[in-house]
Amino acid sequence: MFKLLRYLSIFLITACLLFACNTSAPTQLKRPPLKIPSGYFVGEYPGIIAQEKGFFKAQGVDVELIHKRYIQLEQANFNAGKYDGVISSLGSFIILSATNPDIQGVMVVDESTGADVVVAQSQIKTVADLKGKKLGANLGGFSEVFVTEMLKTANLTSDDVNLVKLETSEIPKRLKNNAIQAGHTWEPHLSEAIKLGGHILFTSKQTPGLISDMIVFRGETIRDRPEDIRAFVRGWLQATTYWKANVQEGNAIISKALKIPKNTISFEGVNLTDLGENQKFFQSSNPHSIYKTARIYADFFIRSGNVTRIPELKSLFNSSFLNSPS
């Protein structure tokens, strides 16, 4: 009888524990994935590798990358709350902040050291030859600042050319049909433009520190999900390191995901920034810090009338997610 009672007690205790586990499970709500649009520029590709190799999940966060060819169009959707984060050029980020100050850049993903180019028709031999010609650029963002800095090298201003608002992917076709005589673009569109007879007129190698891309998150996501963002940053940096050490495998992963030829994927002209370089970018004493470059953009956009007010620049950057790399 004693044994029977003991077994009965064990059975009841076990049943209660199982019941408790089952009733508590539904309260452990799974967090939705971080939703981020991703374009077709090499600086955005570590995210694809992190996704395909499982680096994000290994770091403890689910990420949904939405591949978009026209990434600029997605910034409005980001502002509207459709995405948690977005990969944006520093200049475009400053523009976004004018209408949505509750966003923050948390990491620099790349710095352009020659990848951004102005490609021109064969008869345009020098920057000075652009006077009176049509120049394509994505106006209102970093693209306009870049071509303006280029024009300065020939003592020209934007008033000396006809600026035409175009996406980078449109440049090759518009060059071919003579809608423009030169335009700002990057790979894979650069290769297409050269095949159609264009040539490189100017590159970001001549404007050091001017062009970089950042991962930007909405303030709500930063406040509600800081650990997920920290995990995202770790996964991204892990992918960057992996790709540099396994170039061919990384290129194959990207080629398959985006359905683009492997020979259009190259680091040339792009520095994919690591943790140490990021920490330096966020140091205000660094001559090439994002705070100093952001001021160049902010002053330009206010002067050109693109925006009327920009938030305090220091409030737009958050380096706290770079402090826990492991």
C-alpha atoms as a PDB file:
ATOM      1  CA  MET A   1       0.000   0.000   0.000  1.00  0.00           C
ATOM      2  CA  PHE A   2       2.859   2.375   0.865  1.00  0.00           C
ATOM      3  CA  LYS A   3       4.514   1.665  -2.509  1.00  0.00           C
ATOM      4  CA  LEU A   4       1.251   2.297  -4.312  1.00  0.00           C
ATOM      5  CA  LEU A   5       0.838   5.677  -2.591  1.00  0.00           C
ATOM      6  CA  ARG A   6       4.428   6.593  -3.371  1.00  0.00           C
ATOM      7  CA  TYR A   7       3.996   5.773  -7.082  1.00  0.00           C
ATOM      8  CA  LEU A   8       0.697   7.640  -7.138  1.00  0.00           C
ATOM      9  CA  SER A   9       2.361  10.711  -5.597  1.00  0.00           C
ATOM     10  CA  ILE A  10       5.175  10.584  -8.166  1.00  0.00           C
ATOM     11  CA  PHE A  11       2.602  10.281 -10.954  1.00  0.00           C
ATOM     12  CA  LEU A  12       0.613  13.277  -9.679  1.00  0.00           C
ATOM     13  CA  ILE A  13       3.737  15.418  -9.249  1.00  0.00           C
ATOM     14  CA  THR A  14       4.927  14.526 -12.760  1.00  0.00           C
ATOM     15  CA  ALA A  15       1.511  15.265 -14.231  1.00  0.00           C
ATOM     16  CA  CYS A  16       1.409  18.645 -12.476  1.00  0.00           C
ATOM     17  CA  LEU A  17       4.866  19.538 -13.767  1.00  0.00           C
ATOM     18  CA  LEU A  18       3.918  18.585 -17.320  1.00  0.00           C
ATOM     19  CA  PHE A  19       0.704  20.588 -17.048  1.00  0.00           C
ATOM     20  CA  ALA A  20       2.632  23.606 -15.729  1.00  0.00           C
ATOM     21  CA  CYS A  21       5.111  23.387 -18.625  1.00  0.00           C
ATOM     22  CA  ASN A  22       2.333  23.153 -21.175  1.00  0.00           C
ATOM     23  CA  THR A  23       0.370  26.076 -19.763  1.00  0.00           C
ATOM     24  CA  SER A  24       3.426  28.325 -19.489  1.00  0.00           C
ATOM     25  CA  ALA A  25       4.661  27.669 -23.049  1.00  0.00           C
ATOM     26  CA  PRO A  26       2.180  29.964 -24.824  1.00  0.00           C
ATOM     27  CA  THR A  27       3.338  32.928 -22.722  1.00  0.00           C
ATOM     28  CA  GLN A  28       6.851  32.646 -24.192  1.00  0.00           C
ATOM     29  CA  LEU A  29       6.035  34.647 -27.283  1.00  0.00           C
ATOM     30  CA  LYS A  30       8.554  34.361 -30.099  1.00  0.00           C
ATOM     31  CA  ARG A  31       9.877  37.739 -31.200  1.00  0.00           C
ATOM     32  CA  PRO A  32       9.200  38.568 -34.856  1.00  0.00           C
ATOM     33  CA  PRO A  33      12.238  38.770 -37.148  1.00  0.00           C
ATOM     34  CA  LEU A  34      13.958  42.094 -37.664  1.00  0.00           C
ATOM     35  CA  LYS A  35      12.715  43.200 -41.086  1.00  0.00           C
ATOM     36  CA  ILE A  36      15.313  44.951 -43.232  1.00  0.00           C
ATOM     37  CA  PRO A  37      15.317  45.699 -46.981  1.00  0.00           C
ATOM     38  CA  SER A  38      18.563  44.869 -48.779  1.00  0.00           C
ATOM     39  CA  GLY A  39      19.764  46.177 -52.123  1.00  0.00           C
ATOM     40  CA  TYR A  40      22.305  45.212 -54.764  1.00  0.00           C
ATOM     41  CA  PHE A  41      25.464  46.940 -53.501  1.00  0.00           C
ATOM     42  CA  VAL A  42      28.491  45.045 -52.207  1.00  0.00           C
ATOM     43  CA  GLY A  43      28.361  46.796 -48.830  1.00  0.00           C
ATOM     44  CA  GLU A  44      24.956  45.216 -48.186  1.00  0.00           C
ATOM     45  CA  TYR A  45      26.019  41.680 -49.057  1.00  0.00           C
ATOM     46  CA  PRO A  46      27.395  40.586 -45.648  1.00  0.00           C
ATOM     47  CA  GLY A  47      23.760  40.483 -44.510  1.00  0.00           C
ATOM     48  CA  ILE A  48      23.038  37.830 -47.144  1.00  0.00           C
ATOM     49  CA  ILE A  49      25.993  35.733 -45.990  1.00  0.00           C
ATOM     50  CA  ALA A  50      24.965  36.130 -42.342  1.00  0.00           C
ATOM     51  CA  GLN A  51      21.479  34.941 -43.278  1.00  0.00           C
ATOM     52  CA  GLU A  52      22.530  31.998 -45.444  1.00  0.00           C
ATOM     53  CA  LYS A  53      25.294  30.797 -43.099  1.00  0.00           C
ATOM     54  CA  GLY A  54      23.041  31.090 -40.046  1.00  0.00           C
ATOM     55  CA  PHE A  55      25.185  33.692 -38.301  1.00  0.00           C
ATOM     56  CA  PHE A  56      22.214  35.829 -37.245  1.00  0.00           C
ATOM     57  CA  LYS A  57      20.399  32.847 -35.716  1.00  0.00           C
ATOM     58  CA  ALA A  58      23.584  31.638 -34.016  1.00  0.00           C
ATOM     59  CA  GLN A  59      23.882  35.062 -32.384  1.00  0.00           C
ATOM     60  CA  GLY A  60      20.272  34.818 -31.199  1.00  0.00           C
ATOM     61  CA  VAL A  61      18.173  36.876 -33.589  1.00  0.00           C
ATOM     62  CA  ASP A  62      15.862  36.139 -36.511  1.00  0.00           C
ATOM     63  CA  VAL A  63      16.292  38.461 -39.486  1.00  0.00           C
ATOM     64  CA  GLU A  64      14.133  38.826 -42.572  1.00  0.00           C
ATOM     65  CA  LEU A  65      16.031  40.410 -45.461  1.00  0.00           C
ATOM     66  CA  ILE A  66      13.791  41.696 -48.232  1.00  0.00           C
ATOM     67  CA  HIS A  67      15.772  41.992 -51.472  1.00  0.00           C
ATOM     68  CA  LYS A  68      14.885  45.156 -53.371  1.00  0.00           C
ATOM     69  CA  ARG A  69      16.571  46.452 -56.506  1.00  0.00           C
ATOM     70  CA  TYR A  70      15.447  50.040 -55.868  1.00  0.00           C
ATOM     71  CA  ILE A  71      16.530  50.366 -52.263  1.00  0.00           C
ATOM     72  CA  GLN A  72      16.072  54.152 -52.217  1.00  0.00           C
ATOM     73  CA  LEU A  73      12.325  53.679 -52.609  1.00  0.00           C
ATOM     74  CA  GLU A  74      12.252  51.585 -49.438  1.00  0.00           C
ATOM     75  CA  GLN A  75      13.420  54.425 -47.222  1.00  0.00           C
ATOM     76  CA  ALA A  76       9.923  55.899 -47.295  1.00  0.00           C
ATOM     77  CA  ASN A  77       8.576  52.508 -46.209  1.00  0.00           C
ATOM     78  CA  PHE A  78      11.144  52.463 -43.408  1.00  0.00           C
ATOM     79  CA  ASN A  79       9.971  55.901 -42.296  1.00  0.00           C
ATOM     80  CA  ALA A  80       6.389  54.608 -42.352  1.00  0.00           C
ATOM     81  CA  GLY A  81       7.310  51.758 -39.981  1.00  0.00           C
ATOM     82  CA  LYS A  82       7.239  48.907 -42.493  1.00  0.00           C
ATOM     83  CA  TYR A  83      10.807  47.902 -41.587  1.00  0.00           C
ATOM     84  CA  ASP A  84      12.779  47.805 -38.334  1.00  0.00           C
ATOM     85  CA  GLY A  85      15.995  48.898 -39.979  1.00  0.00           C
ATOM     86  CA  VAL A  86      17.441  50.008 -43.279  1.00  0.00           C
ATOM     87  CA  ILE A  87      20.889  50.191 -44.853  1.00  0.00           C
ATOM     88  CA  SER A  88      21.420  53.774 -45.880  1.00  0.00           C
ATOM     89  CA  SER A  89      24.184  56.004 -47.116  1.00  0.00           C
ATOM     90  CA  LEU A  90      25.224  58.532 -44.511  1.00  0.00           C
ATOM     91  CA  GLY A  91      23.854  61.361 -46.656  1.00  0.00           C
ATOM     92  CA  SER A  92      20.474  59.696 -47.150  1.00  0.00           C
ATOM     93  CA  PHE A  93      20.342  58.992 -43.419  1.00  0.00           C
ATOM     94  CA  ILE A  94      20.751  62.701 -42.673  1.00  0.00           C
ATOM     95  CA  ILE A  95      17.900  63.471 -45.090  1.00  0.00           C
ATOM     96  CA  LEU A  96      15.697  60.822 -43.441  1.00  0.00           C
ATOM     97  CA  SER A  97      16.385  62.277 -40.002  1.00  0.00           C
ATOM     98  CA  ALA A  98      14.969  65.652 -41.046  1.00  0.00           C
ATOM     99  CA  THR A  99      11.473  64.140 -41.220  1.00  0.00           C
ATOM    100  CA  ASN A 100      11.979  61.288 -38.756  1.00  0.00           C
ATOM    101  CA  PRO A 101      14.383  62.231 -35.944  1.00  0.00           C
ATOM    102  CA  ASP A 102      13.565  59.056 -33.985  1.00  0.00           C
ATOM    103  CA  ILE A 103      16.100  56.929 -35.862  1.00  0.00           C
ATOM    104  CA  GLN A 104      19.732  56.101 -35.124  1.00  0.00           C
ATOM    105  CA  GLY A 105      22.719  54.797 -37.061  1.00  0.00           C
ATOM    106  CA  VAL A 106      24.340  51.949 -35.131  1.00  0.00           C
ATOM    107  CA  MET A 107      27.105  50.684 -37.409  1.00  0.00           C
ATOM    108  CA  VAL A 108      29.065  51.664 -40.515  1.00  0.00           C
ATOM    109  CA  VAL A 109      28.956  48.728 -42.928  1.00  0.00           C
ATOM    110  CA  ASP A 110      31.275  50.062 -45.611  1.00  0.00           C
ATOM    111  CA  GLU A 111      33.298  52.993 -46.824  1.00  0.00           C
ATOM    112  CA  SER A 112      33.572  53.750 -50.526  1.00  0.00           C
ATOM    113  CA  THR A 113      37.207  53.970 -51.616  1.00  0.00           C
ATOM    114  CA  GLY A 114      36.648  53.980 -55.364  1.00  0.00           C
ATOM    115  CA  ALA A 115      33.444  51.956 -55.840  1.00  0.00           C
ATOM    116  CA  ASP A 116      31.268  55.028 -56.397  1.00  0.00           C
ATOM    117  CA  VAL A 117      32.009  56.417 -59.830  1.00  0.00           C
ATOM    118  CA  VAL A 118      30.844  58.937 -62.353  1.00  0.00           C
ATOM    119  CA  VAL A 119      30.781  57.145 -65.690  1.00  0.00           C
ATOM    120  CA  ALA A 120      30.677  59.186 -68.872  1.00  0.00           C
ATOM    121  CA  GLN A 121      30.239  58.957 -72.617  1.00  0.00           C
ATOM    122  CA  SER A 122      33.458  58.636 -74.623  1.00  0.00           C
ATOM    123  CA  GLN A 123      33.566  62.292 -75.697  1.00  0.00           C
ATOM    124  CA  ILE A 124      33.637  63.472 -72.049  1.00  0.00           C
ATOM    125  CA  LYS A 125      37.364  63.266 -71.278  1.00  0.00           C
ATOM    126  CA  THR A 126      37.594  65.431 -68.143  1.00  0.00           C
ATOM    127  CA  VAL A 127      35.293  66.777 -65.432  1.00  0.00           C
ATOM    128  CA  ALA A 128      35.575  70.212 -67.078  1.00  0.00           C
ATOM    129  CA  ASP A 129      33.973  68.731 -70.210  1.00  0.00           C
ATOM    130  CA  LEU A 130      30.728  68.319 -68.238  1.00  0.00           C
ATOM    131  CA  LYS A 131      29.998  72.041 -68.421  1.00  0.00           C
ATOM    132  CA  GLY A 132      26.579  72.484 -70.023  1.00  0.00           C
ATOM    133  CA  LYS A 133      26.004  68.711 -70.139  1.00  0.00           C
ATOM    134  CA  LYS A 134      23.412  66.474 -68.454  1.00  0.00           C
ATOM    135  CA  LEU A 135      24.657  64.703 -65.342  1.00  0.00           C
ATOM    136  CA  GLY A 136      22.608  61.908 -63.751  1.00  0.00           C
ATOM    137  CA  ALA A 137      22.513  61.488 -59.985  1.00  0.00           C
ATOM    138  CA  ASN A 138      20.097  60.505 -57.251  1.00  0.00           C
ATOM    139  CA  LEU A 139      19.327  64.052 -56.225  1.00  0.00           C
ATOM    140  CA  GLY A 140      18.581  64.966 -52.653  1.00  0.00           C
ATOM    141  CA  GLY A 141      20.970  62.417 -51.126  1.00  0.00           C
ATOM    142  CA  PHE A 142      24.658  61.536 -50.920  1.00  0.00           C
ATOM    143  CA  SER A 143      24.796  61.172 -54.714  1.00  0.00           C
ATOM    144  CA  GLU A 144      24.251  64.889 -55.175  1.00  0.00           C
ATOM    145  CA  VAL A 145      26.943  65.719 -52.627  1.00  0.00           C
ATOM    146  CA  PHE A 146      29.359  63.365 -54.396  1.00  0.00           C
ATOM    147  CA  VAL A 147      28.871  64.873 -57.861  1.00  0.00           C
ATOM    148  CA  THR A 148      29.032  68.379 -56.364  1.00  0.00           C
ATOM    149  CA  GLU A 149      32.410  67.561 -54.804  1.00  0.00           C
ATOM    150  CA  MET A 150      33.531  66.190 -58.182  1.00  0.00           C
ATOM    151  CA  LEU A 151      32.502  69.391 -59.963  1.00  0.00           C
ATOM    152  CA  LYS A 152      34.529  71.438 -57.466  1.00  0.00           C
ATOM    153  CA  THR A 153      37.707  69.751 -58.722  1.00  0.00           C
ATOM    154  CA  ALA A 154      37.161  71.517 -62.074  1.00  0.00           C
ATOM    155  CA  ASN A 155      35.980  74.768 -60.481  1.00  0.00           C
ATOM    156  CA  LEU A 156      32.416  74.011 -61.538  1.00  0.00           C
ATOM    157  CA  THR A 157      29.184  74.108 -59.549  1.00  0.00           C
ATOM    158  CA  SER A 158      25.847  72.364 -60.042  1.00  0.00           C
ATOM    159  CA  ASP A 159      24.715  75.499 -61.884  1.00  0.00           C
ATOM    160  CA  ASP A 160      27.246  74.715 -64.630  1.00  0.00           C
ATOM    161  CA  VAL A 161      25.576  71.380 -65.490  1.00  0.00           C
ATOM    162  CA  ASN A 162      22.055  70.046 -65.909  1.00  0.00           C
ATOM    163  CA  LEU A 163      21.441  67.646 -63.042  1.00  0.00           C
ATOM    164  CA  VAL A 164      19.013  64.829 -63.874  1.00  0.00           C
ATOM    165  CA  LYS A 165      17.418  62.794 -61.081  1.00  0.00           C
ATOM    166  CA  LEU A 166      18.067  59.090 -61.753  1.00  0.00           C
ATOM    167  CA  GLU A 167      18.500  55.821 -59.878  1.00  0.00           C
ATOM    168  CA  THR A 168      21.960  54.275 -60.243  1.00  0.00           C
ATOM    169  CA  SER A 169      20.489  51.317 -62.142  1.00  0.00           C
ATOM    170  CA  GLU A 170      19.145  53.679 -64.824  1.00  0.00           C
ATOM    171  CA  ILE A 171      22.507  55.262 -65.670  1.00  0.00           C
ATOM    172  CA  PRO A 172      23.742  52.732 -68.319  1.00  0.00           C
ATOM    173  CA  LYS A 173      20.551  52.905 -70.407  1.00  0.00           C
ATOM    174  CA  ARG A 174      20.314  56.699 -70.165  1.00  0.00           C
ATOM    175  CA  LEU A 175      23.952  57.057 -71.237  1.00  0.00           C
ATOM    176  CA  LYS A 176      23.348  54.828 -74.237  1.00  0.00           C
ATOM    177  CA  ASN A 177      20.307  56.762 -75.471  1.00  0.00           C
ATOM    178  CA  ASN A 178      22.044  60.105 -74.796  1.00  0.00           C
ATOM    179  CA  ALA A 179      19.506  61.244 -72.183  1.00  0.00           C
ATOM    180  CA  ILE A 180      22.568  62.076 -70.055  1.00  0.00           C
ATOM    181  CA  GLN A 181      26.259  62.428 -70.834  1.00  0.00           C
ATOM    182  CA  ALA A 182      27.517  61.219 -67.446  1.00  0.00           C
ATOM    183  CA  GLY A 183      26.109  59.763 -64.245  1.00  0.00           C
ATOM    184  CA  HIS A 184      26.881  58.476 -60.770  1.00  0.00           C
ATOM    185  CA  THR A 185      26.618  54.712 -60.335  1.00  0.00           C
ATOM    186  CA  TRP A 186      28.309  51.573 -58.958  1.00  0.00           C
ATOM    187  CA  GLU A 187      28.516  47.831 -59.622  1.00  0.00           C
ATOM    188  CA  PRO A 188      26.839  45.892 -61.101  1.00  0.00           C
ATOM    189  CA  HIS A 189      25.541  48.844 -63.148  1.00  0.00           C
ATOM    190  CA  LEU A 190      29.059  50.170 -63.785  1.00  0.00           C
ATOM    191  CA  SER A 191      30.053  47.052 -65.749  1.00  0.00           C
ATOM    192  CA  GLU A 192      26.910  47.401 -67.833  1.00  0.00           C
ATOM    193  CA  ALA A 193      27.659  51.048 -68.573  1.00  0.00           C
ATOM    194  CA  ILE A 194      31.225  50.237 -69.645  1.00  0.00           C
ATOM    195  CA  LYS A 195      29.974  47.456 -71.948  1.00  0.00           C
ATOM    196  CA  LEU A 196      27.739  50.065 -73.577  1.00  0.00           C
ATOM    197  CA  GLY A 197      30.708  52.343 -74.281  1.00  0.00           C
ATOM    198  CA  GLY A 198      31.001  54.419 -71.096  1.00  0.00           C
ATOM    199  CA  HIS A 199      34.221  55.061 -69.187  1.00  0.00           C
ATOM    200  CA  ILE A 200      35.105  56.029 -65.624  1.00  0.00           C
ATOM    201  CA  LEU A 201      35.515  59.779 -65.239  1.00  0.00           C
ATOM    202  CA  PHE A 202      35.772  60.183 -61.447  1.00  0.00           C
ATOM    203  CA  THR A 203      35.740  57.890 -58.378  1.00  0.00           C
ATOM    204  CA  SER A 204      35.257  58.124 -54.626  1.00  0.00           C
ATOM    205  CA  LYS A 205      38.974  57.409 -54.247  1.00  0.00           C
ATOM    206  CA  GLN A 206      39.257  61.140 -54.917  1.00  0.00           C
ATOM    207  CA  THR A 207      36.858  62.016 -52.061  1.00  0.00           C
ATOM    208  CA  PRO A 208      38.233  60.047 -49.050  1.00  0.00           C
ATOM    209  CA  GLY A 209      35.817  59.614 -46.153  1.00  0.00           C
ATOM    210  CA  LEU A 210      32.882  61.202 -47.959  1.00  0.00           C
ATOM    211  CA  ILE A 211      30.777  58.137 -48.749  1.00  0.00           C
ATOM    212  CA  SER A 212      29.845  55.439 -46.264  1.00  0.00           C
ATOM    213  CA  ASP A 213      26.812  53.257 -45.607  1.00  0.00           C
ATOM    214  CA  MET A 214      25.205  52.633 -42.241  1.00  0.00           C
ATOM    215  CA  ILE A 215      22.714  50.330 -40.631  1.00  0.00           C
ATOM    216  CA  VAL A 216      19.937  52.506 -39.235  1.00  0.00           C
ATOM    217  CA  PHE A 217      17.185  51.375 -36.861  1.00  0.00           C
ATOM    218  CA  ARG A 218      13.948  52.963 -35.762  1.00  0.00           C
ATOM    219  CA  GLY A 219      13.989  54.356 -32.232  1.00  0.00           C
ATOM    220  CA  GLU A 220      11.150  52.066 -31.209  1.00  0.00           C
ATOM    221  CA  THR A 221      13.158  48.987 -32.216  1.00  0.00           C
ATOM    222  CA  ILE A 222      16.265  50.265 -30.441  1.00  0.00           C
ATOM    223  CA  ARG A 223      14.316  50.815 -27.222  1.00  0.00           C
ATOM    224  CA  ASP A 224      12.303  47.566 -27.360  1.00  0.00           C
ATOM    225  CA  ARG A 225      14.866  45.145 -28.779  1.00  0.00           C
ATOM    226  CA  PRO A 226      18.418  46.253 -27.914  1.00  0.00           C
ATOM    227  CA  GLU A 227      19.688  42.681 -27.502  1.00  0.00           C
ATOM    228  CA  ASP A 228      18.358  41.730 -30.926  1.00  0.00           C
ATOM    229  CA  ILE A 229      20.162  44.686 -32.479  1.00  0.00           C
ATOM    230  CA  ARG A 230      23.349  43.743 -30.641  1.00  0.00           C
ATOM    231  CA  ALA A 231      22.999  40.190 -31.983  1.00  0.00           C
ATOM    232  CA  PHE A 232      22.354  41.557 -35.478  1.00  0.00           C
ATOM    233  CA  VAL A 233      25.554  43.631 -35.348  1.00  0.00           C
ATOM    234  CA  ARG A 234      27.560  40.611 -34.152  1.00  0.00           C
ATOM    235  CA  GLY A 235      26.136  38.417 -36.933  1.00  0.00           C
ATOM    236  CA  TRP A 236      26.856  41.057 -39.573  1.00  0.00           C
ATOM    237  CA  LEU A 237      30.454  41.558 -38.436  1.00  0.00           C
ATOM    238  CA  GLN A 238      30.935  37.781 -38.297  1.00  0.00           C
ATOM    239  CA  ALA A 239      29.746  37.542 -41.913  1.00  0.00           C
ATOM    240  CA  THR A 240      32.101  40.328 -43.004  1.00  0.00           C
ATOM    241  CA  THR A 241      35.071  38.495 -41.482  1.00  0.00           C
ATOM    242  CA  TYR A 242      33.944  35.179 -42.986  1.00  0.00           C
ATOM    243  CA  TRP A 243      33.489  36.616 -46.478  1.00  0.00           C
ATOM    244  CA  LYS A 244      36.946  38.214 -46.508  1.00  0.00           C
ATOM    245  CA  ALA A 245      38.450  34.833 -45.565  1.00  0.00           C
ATOM    246  CA  ASN A 246      36.249  32.811 -47.981  1.00  0.00           C
ATOM    247  CA  VAL A 247      35.778  35.074 -50.985  1.00  0.00           C
ATOM    248  CA  GLN A 248      34.734  32.470 -53.565  1.00  0.00           C
ATOM    249  CA  GLU A 249      32.210  30.782 -51.286  1.00  0.00           C
ATOM    250  CA  GLY A 250      30.807  34.137 -50.222  1.00  0.00           C
ATOM    251  CA  ASN A 251      30.483  35.266 -53.828  1.00  0.00           C
ATOM    252  CA  ALA A 252      28.657  32.037 -54.711  1.00  0.00           C
ATOM    253  CA  ILE A 253      26.184  32.552 -51.845  1.00  0.00           C
ATOM    254  CA  ILE A 254      25.445  36.122 -52.966  1.00  0.00           C
ATOM    255  CA  SER A 255      25.215  35.169 -56.642  1.00  0.00           C
ATOM    256  CA  LYS A 256      22.635  32.496 -55.877  1.00  0.00           C
ATOM    257  CA  ALA A 257      20.573  34.677 -53.523  1.00  0.00           C
ATOM    258  CA  LEU A 258      20.378  37.686 -55.863  1.00  0.00           C
ATOM    259  CA  LYS A 259      20.591  35.803 -59.179  1.00  0.00           C
ATOM    260  CA  ILE A 260      23.481  37.961 -60.388  1.00  0.00           C
ATOM    261  CA  PRO A 261      26.729  36.853 -62.094  1.00  0.00           C
ATOM    262  CA  LYS A 262      29.611  36.121 -59.737  1.00  0.00           C
ATOM    263  CA  ASN A 263      31.950  38.251 -61.818  1.00  0.00           C
ATOM    264  CA  THR A 264      29.988  41.397 -60.871  1.00  0.00           C
ATOM    265  CA  ILE A 265      30.716  40.853 -57.160  1.00  0.00           C
ATOM    266  CA  SER A 266      33.908  42.520 -56.007  1.00  0.00           C
ATOM    267  CA  PHE A 267      35.431  44.284 -52.979  1.00  0.00           C
ATOM    268  CA  GLU A 268      37.331  46.589 -55.298  1.00  0.00           C
ATOM    269  CA  GLY A 269      36.877  50.173 -54.213  1.00  0.00           C
ATOM    270  CA  VAL A 270      34.959  49.221 -51.059  1.00  0.00           C
ATOM    271  CA  ASN A 271      36.224  48.784 -47.521  1.00  0.00           C
ATOM    272  CA  LEU A 272      33.882  46.487 -45.576  1.00  0.00           C
ATOM    273  CA  THR A 273      34.400  47.851 -42.101  1.00  0.00           C
ATOM    274  CA  ASP A 274      35.225  45.650 -39.122  1.00  0.00           C
ATOM    275  CA  LEU A 275      34.588  46.242 -35.424  1.00  0.00           C
ATOM    276  CA  GLY A 276      37.772  48.239 -34.787  1.00  0.00           C
ATOM    277  CA  GLU A 277      37.196  50.507 -37.767  1.00  0.00           C
ATOM    278  CA  ASN A 278      33.626  51.076 -36.636  1.00  0.00           C
ATOM    279  CA  GLN A 279      34.724  52.109 -33.185  1.00  0.00           C
ATOM    280  CA  LYS A 280      37.093  54.639 -34.768  1.00  0.00           C
ATOM    281  CA  PHE A 281      34.326  56.029 -36.988  1.00  0.00           C
ATOM    282  CA  PHE A 282      32.286  56.720 -33.865  1.00  0.00           C
ATOM    283  CA  GLN A 283      35.113  58.633 -32.165  1.00  0.00           C
ATOM    284  CA  SER A 284      34.459  62.346 -32.561  1.00  0.00           C
ATOM    285  CA  SER A 285      38.217  63.068 -32.395  1.00  0.00           C
ATOM    286  CA  ASN A 286      38.834  61.029 -35.553  1.00  0.00           C
ATOM    287  CA  PRO A 287      39.315  63.401 -38.544  1.00  0.00           C
ATOM    288  CA  HIS A 288      37.135  61.064 -40.636  1.00  0.00           C
ATOM    289  CA  SER A 289      34.514  60.440 -37.949  1.00  0.00           C
ATOM    290  CA  ILE A 290      30.901  60.081 -39.012  1.00  0.00           C
ATOM    291  CA  TYR A 291      30.067  63.167 -36.941  1.00  0.00           C
ATOM    292  CA  LYS A 292      32.364  65.372 -39.052  1.00  0.00           C
ATOM    293  CA  THR A 293      31.195  63.895 -42.367  1.00  0.00           C
ATOM    294  CA  ALA A 294      27.564  64.150 -41.249  1.00  0.00           C
ATOM    295  CA  ARG A 295      28.107  67.871 -40.694  1.00  0.00           C
ATOM    296  CA  ILE A 296      29.263  68.230 -44.326  1.00  0.00           C
ATOM    297  CA  TYR A 297      26.029  66.640 -45.513  1.00  0.00           C
ATOM    298  CA  ALA A 298      23.837  68.551 -43.075  1.00  0.00           C
ATOM    299  CA  ASP A 299      25.308  71.895 -44.115  1.00  0.00           C
ATOM    300  CA  PHE A 300      24.923  71.015 -47.792  1.00  0.00           C
ATOM    301  CA  PHE A 301      21.296  69.944 -47.478  1.00  0.00           C
ATOM    302  CA  ILE A 302      20.295  73.025 -45.499  1.00  0.00           C
ATOM    303  CA  ARG A 303      22.176  75.314 -47.881  1.00  0.00           C
ATOM    304  CA  SER A 304      20.544  73.692 -50.922  1.00  0.00           C
ATOM    305  CA  GLY A 305      17.084  73.891 -49.358  1.00  0.00           C
ATOM    306  CA  ASN A 306      16.550  70.113 -49.329  1.00  0.00           C
ATOM    307  CA  VAL A 307      15.753  70.332 -45.623  1.00  0.00           C
ATOM    308  CA  THR A 308      14.996  73.171 -43.249  1.00  0.00           C
ATOM    309  CA  ARG A 309      16.055  71.567 -39.966  1.00  0.00           C
ATOM    310  CA  ILE A 310      18.248  68.659 -38.884  1.00  0.00           C
ATOM    311  CA  PRO A 311      18.321  67.153 -35.381  1.00  0.00           C
ATOM    312  CA  GLU A 312      21.385  67.436 -33.172  1.00  0.00           C
ATOM    313  CA  LEU A 313      23.830  65.176 -35.010  1.00  0.00           C
ATOM    314  CA  LYS A 314      25.141  63.417 -31.914  1.00  0.00           C
ATOM    315  CA  SER A 315      21.639  62.152 -31.155  1.00  0.00           C
ATOM    316  CA  LEU A 316      21.521  60.388 -34.528  1.00  0.00           C
ATOM    317  CA  PHE A 317      24.325  57.935 -33.782  1.00  0.00           C
ATOM    318  CA  ASN A 318      24.406  55.128 -31.231  1.00  0.00           C
ATOM    319  CA  SER A 319      27.702  53.297 -30.751  1.00  0.00           C
ATOM    320  CA  SER A 320      26.524  51.210 -27.783  1.00  0.00           C
ATOM    321  CA  PHE A 321      25.900  48.155 -29.973  1.00  0.00           C
ATOM    322  CA  LEU A 322      29.589  48.013 -30.876  1.00  0.00           C
ATOM    323  CA  ASN A 323      30.676  47.504 -27.288  1.00  0.00           C
ATOM    324  CA  SER A 324      29.874  43.806 -26.941  1.00  0.00           C
ATOM    325  CA  PRO A 325      31.490  41.909 -29.840  1.00  0.00           C
ATOM    326  CA  SER A 326      31.299  38.435 -28.337  1.00  0.00           C
END
